[in-house]
């Protein structure tokens, strides 16, 4: 996952998807996960168990800059 100023690029094993920041409706931050809600019925679940506290904070700050 790459976070840029125009949106998020999700890179999987067999796919790449660009998510423009205009379709991100909300970002939920919880102790063990981050949820990125898109307009409509789609969302992305990001587990945070392998992130250090510093990495998690940096990741959240980059996401919140998109809102």
PDB file of N, CA and C in Angstrom:
ATOM      1  N   UNK A   1       0.846  -1.166   0.000  1.00  0.00           N
ATOM      2  CA  UNK A   1       0.000   0.000   0.000  1.00  0.00           C
ATOM      3  C   UNK A   1       0.895   1.233   0.000  1.00  0.00           C
ATOM      4  N   UNK A   2       0.620   2.112  -0.934  1.00  0.00           N
ATOM      5  CA  UNK A   2       1.348   3.373  -1.041  1.00  0.00           C
ATOM      6  C   UNK A   2       0.362   4.514  -0.840  1.00  0.00           C
ATOM      7  N   UNK A   3       0.720   5.464  -0.007  1.00  0.00           N
ATOM      8  CA  UNK A   3      -0.153   6.602   0.257  1.00  0.00           C
ATOM      9  C   UNK A   3       0.486   7.840  -0.345  1.00  0.00           C
ATOM     10  N   UNK A   4      -0.226   8.472  -1.262  1.00  0.00           N
ATOM     11  CA  UNK A   4       0.246   9.696  -1.900  1.00  0.00           C
ATOM     12  C   UNK A   4      -0.710  10.831  -1.615  1.00  0.00           C
ATOM     13  N   UNK A   5      -0.424  11.994  -2.153  1.00  0.00           N
ATOM     14  CA  UNK A   5      -1.277  13.146  -1.880  1.00  0.00           C
ATOM     15  C   UNK A   5      -2.610  13.082  -2.614  1.00  0.00           C
ATOM     16  N   UNK A   6      -2.714  12.221  -3.645  1.00  0.00           N
ATOM     17  CA  UNK A   6      -3.956  12.113  -4.407  1.00  0.00           C
ATOM     18  C   UNK A   6      -4.795  10.896  -4.050  1.00  0.00           C
ATOM     19  N   UNK A   7      -4.255  10.003  -3.218  1.00  0.00           N
ATOM     20  CA  UNK A   7      -5.006   8.814  -2.858  1.00  0.00           C
ATOM     21  C   UNK A   7      -4.106   7.690  -2.407  1.00  0.00           C
ATOM     22  N   UNK A   8      -4.648   6.488  -2.479  1.00  0.00           N
ATOM     23  CA  UNK A   8      -3.959   5.290  -2.000  1.00  0.00           C
ATOM     24  C   UNK A   8      -3.839   4.304  -3.151  1.00  0.00           C
ATOM     25  N   UNK A   9      -2.684   3.697  -3.276  1.00  0.00           N
ATOM     26  CA  UNK A   9      -2.478   2.645  -4.262  1.00  0.00           C
ATOM     27  C   UNK A   9      -2.326   1.334  -3.489  1.00  0.00           C
ATOM     28  N   UNK A  10      -3.254   0.412  -3.711  1.00  0.00           N
ATOM     29  CA  UNK A  10      -3.235  -0.887  -3.057  1.00  0.00           C
ATOM     30  C   UNK A  10      -2.642  -1.894  -4.033  1.00  0.00           C
ATOM     31  N   UNK A  11      -1.587  -2.569  -3.591  1.00  0.00           N
ATOM     32  CA  UNK A  11      -0.890  -3.521  -4.457  1.00  0.00           C
ATOM     33  C   UNK A  11      -1.013  -4.909  -3.842  1.00  0.00           C
ATOM     34  N   UNK A  12      -1.641  -5.808  -4.576  1.00  0.00           N
ATOM     35  CA  UNK A  12      -1.786  -7.188  -4.118  1.00  0.00           C
ATOM     36  C   UNK A  12      -0.952  -8.111  -4.980  1.00  0.00           C
ATOM     37  N   UNK A  13      -1.082  -9.389  -4.703  1.00  0.00           N
ATOM     38  CA  UNK A  13      -0.320 -10.373  -5.473  1.00  0.00           C
ATOM     39  C   UNK A  13      -0.700 -10.365  -6.949  1.00  0.00           C
ATOM     40  N   UNK A  14      -2.006 -10.253  -7.217  1.00  0.00           N
ATOM     41  CA  UNK A  14      -2.486 -10.331  -8.602  1.00  0.00           C
ATOM     42  C   UNK A  14      -3.263  -9.098  -9.047  1.00  0.00           C
ATOM     43  N   UNK A  15      -3.142  -7.996  -8.298  1.00  0.00           N
ATOM     44  CA  UNK A  15      -3.909  -6.815  -8.679  1.00  0.00           C
ATOM     45  C   UNK A  15      -3.234  -5.554  -8.144  1.00  0.00           C
ATOM     46  N   UNK A  16      -3.588  -4.441  -8.747  1.00  0.00           N
ATOM     47  CA  UNK A  16      -3.214  -3.114  -8.265  1.00  0.00           C
ATOM     48  C   UNK A  16      -4.446  -2.243  -8.406  1.00  0.00           C
ATOM     49  N   UNK A  17      -4.778  -1.505  -7.358  1.00  0.00           N
ATOM     50  CA  UNK A  17      -5.968  -0.659  -7.386  1.00  0.00           C
ATOM     51  C   UNK A  17      -5.612   0.727  -6.863  1.00  0.00           C
ATOM     52  N   UNK A  18      -6.044   1.742  -7.573  1.00  0.00           N
ATOM     53  CA  UNK A  18      -5.845   3.118  -7.149  1.00  0.00           C
ATOM     54  C   UNK A  18      -7.133   3.630  -6.535  1.00  0.00           C
ATOM     55  N   UNK A  19      -7.036   4.175  -5.338  1.00  0.00           N
ATOM     56  CA  UNK A  19      -8.199   4.708  -4.635  1.00  0.00           C
ATOM     57  C   UNK A  19      -8.018   6.218  -4.511  1.00  0.00           C
ATOM     58  N   UNK A  20      -8.756   6.988  -5.295  1.00  0.00           N
ATOM     59  CA  UNK A  20      -8.645   8.452  -5.192  1.00  0.00           C
ATOM     60  C   UNK A  20      -9.150   8.930  -3.827  1.00  0.00           C
ATOM     61  N   UNK A  21      -8.545   9.979  -3.313  1.00  0.00           N
ATOM     62  CA  UNK A  21      -8.929  10.461  -1.984  1.00  0.00           C
ATOM     63  C   UNK A  21     -10.377  10.958  -1.950  1.00  0.00           C
ATOM     64  N   UNK A  22     -10.937  11.296  -3.090  1.00  0.00           N
ATOM     65  CA  UNK A  22     -12.319  11.791  -3.143  1.00  0.00           C
ATOM     66  C   UNK A  22     -13.340  10.730  -2.774  1.00  0.00           C
ATOM     67  N   UNK A  23     -13.008   9.445  -2.918  1.00  0.00           N
ATOM     68  CA  UNK A  23     -13.994   8.408  -2.596  1.00  0.00           C
ATOM     69  C   UNK A  23     -13.783   7.806  -1.206  1.00  0.00           C
ATOM     70  N   UNK A  24     -12.820   8.317  -0.442  1.00  0.00           N
ATOM     71  CA  UNK A  24     -12.638   7.861   0.937  1.00  0.00           C
ATOM     72  C   UNK A  24     -13.629   8.628   1.803  1.00  0.00           C
ATOM     73  N   UNK A  25     -14.579   7.909   2.393  1.00  0.00           N
ATOM     74  CA  UNK A  25     -15.615   8.573   3.181  1.00  0.00           C
ATOM     75  C   UNK A  25     -15.247   8.685   4.656  1.00  0.00           C
ATOM     76  N   UNK A  26     -14.478   7.737   5.178  1.00  0.00           N
ATOM     77  CA  UNK A  26     -14.109   7.783   6.590  1.00  0.00           C
ATOM     78  C   UNK A  26     -12.924   6.863   6.843  1.00  0.00           C
ATOM     79  N   UNK A  27     -12.218   7.125   7.925  1.00  0.00           N
ATOM     80  CA  UNK A  27     -11.112   6.282   8.346  1.00  0.00           C
ATOM     81  C   UNK A  27     -11.317   5.977   9.819  1.00  0.00           C
ATOM     82  N   UNK A  28     -11.429   4.694  10.136  1.00  0.00           N
ATOM     83  CA  UNK A  28     -11.614   4.265  11.525  1.00  0.00           C
ATOM     84  C   UNK A  28     -10.318   3.701  12.076  1.00  0.00           C
ATOM     85  N   UNK A  29      -9.887   4.212  13.221  1.00  0.00           N
ATOM     86  CA  UNK A  29      -8.650   3.751  13.850  1.00  0.00           C
ATOM     87  C   UNK A  29      -9.016   3.051  15.154  1.00  0.00           C
ATOM     88  N   UNK A  30      -8.592   1.809  15.266  1.00  0.00           N
ATOM     89  CA  UNK A  30      -8.859   1.001  16.456  1.00  0.00           C
ATOM     90  C   UNK A  30      -7.533   0.462  16.988  1.00  0.00           C
ATOM     91  N   UNK A  31      -7.552  -0.164  18.140  1.00  0.00           N
ATOM     92  CA  UNK A  31      -6.320  -0.675  18.750  1.00  0.00           C
ATOM     93  C   UNK A  31      -5.583  -1.650  17.845  1.00  0.00           C
ATOM     94  N   UNK A  32      -6.312  -2.528  17.177  1.00  0.00           N
ATOM     95  CA  UNK A  32      -5.688  -3.604  16.406  1.00  0.00           C
ATOM     96  C   UNK A  32      -5.917  -3.540  14.906  1.00  0.00           C
ATOM     97  N   UNK A  33      -6.591  -2.477  14.434  1.00  0.00           N
ATOM     98  CA  UNK A  33      -6.859  -2.382  13.002  1.00  0.00           C
ATOM     99  C   UNK A  33      -7.181  -0.958  12.599  1.00  0.00           C
ATOM    100  N   UNK A  34      -7.056  -0.730  11.306  1.00  0.00           N
ATOM    101  CA  UNK A  34      -7.471   0.530  10.688  1.00  0.00           C
ATOM    102  C   UNK A  34      -8.443   0.157   9.578  1.00  0.00           C
ATOM    103  N   UNK A  35      -9.576   0.844   9.517  1.00  0.00           N
ATOM    104  CA  UNK A  35     -10.559   0.618   8.460  1.00  0.00           C
ATOM    105  C   UNK A  35     -10.651   1.865   7.600  1.00  0.00           C
ATOM    106  N   UNK A  36     -10.566   1.667   6.302  1.00  0.00           N
ATOM    107  CA  UNK A  36     -10.723   2.758   5.353  1.00  0.00           C
ATOM    108  C   UNK A  36     -12.038   2.517   4.630  1.00  0.00           C
ATOM    109  N   UNK A  37     -13.007   3.380   4.873  1.00  0.00           N
ATOM    110  CA  UNK A  37     -14.333   3.244   4.269  1.00  0.00           C
ATOM    111  C   UNK A  37     -14.404   4.091   3.015  1.00  0.00           C
ATOM    112  N   UNK A  38     -14.916   3.494   1.951  1.00  0.00           N
ATOM    113  CA  UNK A  38     -15.082   4.193   0.686  1.00  0.00           C
ATOM    114  C   UNK A  38     -16.555   4.502   0.472  1.00  0.00           C
ATOM    115  N   UNK A  39     -16.827   5.439  -0.427  1.00  0.00           N
ATOM    116  CA  UNK A  39     -18.214   5.732  -0.780  1.00  0.00           C
ATOM    117  C   UNK A  39     -18.837   4.448  -1.321  1.00  0.00           C
ATOM    118  N   UNK A  40     -20.010   4.134  -0.871  1.00  0.00           N
ATOM    119  CA  UNK A  40     -20.658   2.882  -1.254  1.00  0.00           C
ATOM    120  C   UNK A  40     -20.476   1.853  -0.155  1.00  0.00           C
ATOM    121  N   UNK A  41     -20.271   0.614  -0.532  1.00  0.00           N
ATOM    122  CA  UNK A  41     -20.228  -0.474   0.436  1.00  0.00           C
ATOM    123  C   UNK A  41     -18.856  -1.128   0.553  1.00  0.00           C
ATOM    124  N   UNK A  42     -17.827  -0.482   0.102  1.00  0.00           N
ATOM    125  CA  UNK A  42     -16.506  -1.089   0.106  1.00  0.00           C
ATOM    126  C   UNK A  42     -15.649  -0.490   1.217  1.00  0.00           C
ATOM    127  N   UNK A  43     -14.800  -1.317   1.803  1.00  0.00           N
ATOM    128  CA  UNK A  43     -13.855  -0.835   2.806  1.00  0.00           C
ATOM    129  C   UNK A  43     -12.602  -1.703   2.768  1.00  0.00           C
ATOM    130  N   UNK A  44     -11.539  -1.167   3.336  1.00  0.00           N
ATOM    131  CA  UNK A  44     -10.281  -1.905   3.448  1.00  0.00           C
ATOM    132  C   UNK A  44      -9.945  -2.069   4.917  1.00  0.00           C
ATOM    133  N   UNK A  45      -9.574  -3.270   5.282  1.00  0.00           N
ATOM    134  CA  UNK A  45      -9.191  -3.635   6.643  1.00  0.00           C
ATOM    135  C   UNK A  45      -7.674  -3.767   6.684  1.00  0.00           C
ATOM    136  N   UNK A  46      -7.039  -3.035   7.584  1.00  0.00           N
ATOM    137  CA  UNK A  46      -5.583  -3.087   7.701  1.00  0.00           C
ATOM    138  C   UNK A  46      -5.236  -3.497   9.133  1.00  0.00           C
ATOM    139  N   UNK A  47      -4.772  -4.724   9.330  1.00  0.00           N
ATOM    140  CA  UNK A  47      -4.357  -5.130  10.686  1.00  0.00           C
ATOM    141  C   UNK A  47      -3.072  -4.391  11.065  1.00  0.00           C
ATOM    142  N   UNK A  48      -2.968  -4.023  12.325  1.00  0.00           N
ATOM    143  CA  UNK A  48      -1.806  -3.252  12.770  1.00  0.00           C
ATOM    144  C   UNK A  48      -0.912  -4.027  13.730  1.00  0.00           C
ATOM    145  N   UNK A  49      -1.138  -5.307  13.892  1.00  0.00           N
ATOM    146  CA  UNK A  49      -0.389  -6.082  14.887  1.00  0.00           C
ATOM    147  C   UNK A  49       1.101  -6.164  14.609  1.00  0.00           C
ATOM    148  N   UNK A  50       1.519  -6.002  13.355  1.00  0.00           N
ATOM    149  CA  UNK A  50       2.940  -6.095  13.030  1.00  0.00           C
ATOM    150  C   UNK A  50       3.618  -4.727  12.898  1.00  0.00           C
ATOM    151  N   UNK A  51       2.869  -3.661  13.134  1.00  0.00           N
ATOM    152  CA  UNK A  51       3.443  -2.329  13.048  1.00  0.00           C
ATOM    153  C   UNK A  51       3.946  -1.887  14.422  1.00  0.00           C
ATOM    154  N   UNK A  52       5.075  -1.214  14.439  1.00  0.00           N
ATOM    155  CA  UNK A  52       5.527  -0.610  15.692  1.00  0.00           C
ATOM    156  C   UNK A  52       4.631   0.596  15.977  1.00  0.00           C
ATOM    157  N   UNK A  53       4.691   1.094  17.175  1.00  0.00           N
ATOM    158  CA  UNK A  53       3.860   2.249  17.530  1.00  0.00           C
ATOM    159  C   UNK A  53       4.206   3.440  16.633  1.00  0.00           C
ATOM    160  N   UNK A  54       5.496   3.630  16.381  1.00  0.00           N
ATOM    161  CA  UNK A  54       5.937   4.741  15.534  1.00  0.00           C
ATOM    162  C   UNK A  54       5.448   4.575  14.096  1.00  0.00           C
ATOM    163  N   UNK A  55       5.558   3.368  13.545  1.00  0.00           N
ATOM    164  CA  UNK A  55       5.074   3.114  12.182  1.00  0.00           C
ATOM    165  C   UNK A  55       3.571   3.297  12.083  1.00  0.00           C
ATOM    166  N   UNK A  56       2.862   2.850  13.100  1.00  0.00           N
ATOM    167  CA  UNK A  56       1.406   2.986  13.112  1.00  0.00           C
ATOM    168  C   UNK A  56       1.013   4.460  13.135  1.00  0.00           C
ATOM    169  N   UNK A  57       1.689   5.261  13.951  1.00  0.00           N
ATOM    170  CA  UNK A  57       1.384   6.690  14.024  1.00  0.00           C
ATOM    171  C   UNK A  57       1.680   7.387  12.702  1.00  0.00           C
ATOM    172  N   UNK A  58       2.791   7.057  12.073  1.00  0.00           N
ATOM    173  CA  UNK A  58       3.131   7.644  10.771  1.00  0.00           C
ATOM    174  C   UNK A  58       2.102   7.260   9.711  1.00  0.00           C
ATOM    175  N   UNK A  59       1.695   6.003   9.724  1.00  0.00           N
ATOM    176  CA  UNK A  59       0.703   5.508   8.774  1.00  0.00           C
ATOM    177  C   UNK A  59      -0.627   6.240   8.959  1.00  0.00           C
ATOM    178  N   UNK A  60      -1.058   6.375  10.193  1.00  0.00           N
ATOM    179  CA  UNK A  60      -2.323   7.049  10.490  1.00  0.00           C
ATOM    180  C   UNK A  60      -2.239   8.516  10.073  1.00  0.00           C
ATOM    181  N   UNK A  61      -1.135   9.171  10.351  1.00  0.00           N
ATOM    182  CA  UNK A  61      -0.975  10.580   9.966  1.00  0.00           C
ATOM    183  C   UNK A  61      -1.064  10.757   8.459  1.00  0.00           C
ATOM    184  N   UNK A  62      -0.453   9.864   7.704  1.00  0.00           N
ATOM    185  CA  UNK A  62      -0.527   9.940   6.242  1.00  0.00           C
ATOM    186  C   UNK A  62      -1.961   9.727   5.758  1.00  0.00           C
ATOM    187  N   UNK A  63      -2.666   8.771   6.373  1.00  0.00           N
ATOM    188  CA  UNK A  63      -4.061   8.534   5.991  1.00  0.00           C
ATOM    189  C   UNK A  63      -4.938   9.732   6.307  1.00  0.00           C
ATOM    190  N   UNK A  64      -4.760  10.302   7.499  1.00  0.00           N
ATOM    191  CA  UNK A  64      -5.601  11.431   7.909  1.00  0.00           C
ATOM    192  C   UNK A  64      -5.347  12.659   7.033  1.00  0.00           C
ATOM    193  N   UNK A  65      -4.167  12.763   6.456  1.00  0.00           N
ATOM    194  CA  UNK A  65      -3.878  13.884   5.554  1.00  0.00           C
ATOM    195  C   UNK A  65      -4.715  13.813   4.277  1.00  0.00           C
ATOM    196  N   UNK A  66      -5.224  12.636   3.957  1.00  0.00           N
ATOM    197  CA  UNK A  66      -6.060  12.471   2.762  1.00  0.00           C
ATOM    198  C   UNK A  66      -7.488  12.977   2.974  1.00  0.00           C
ATOM    199  N   UNK A  67      -7.922  13.035   4.215  1.00  0.00           N
ATOM    200  CA  UNK A  67      -9.315  13.436   4.497  1.00  0.00           C
ATOM    201  C   UNK A  67      -9.558  14.885   4.219  1.00  0.00           C
TER     202      UNK A  67
END
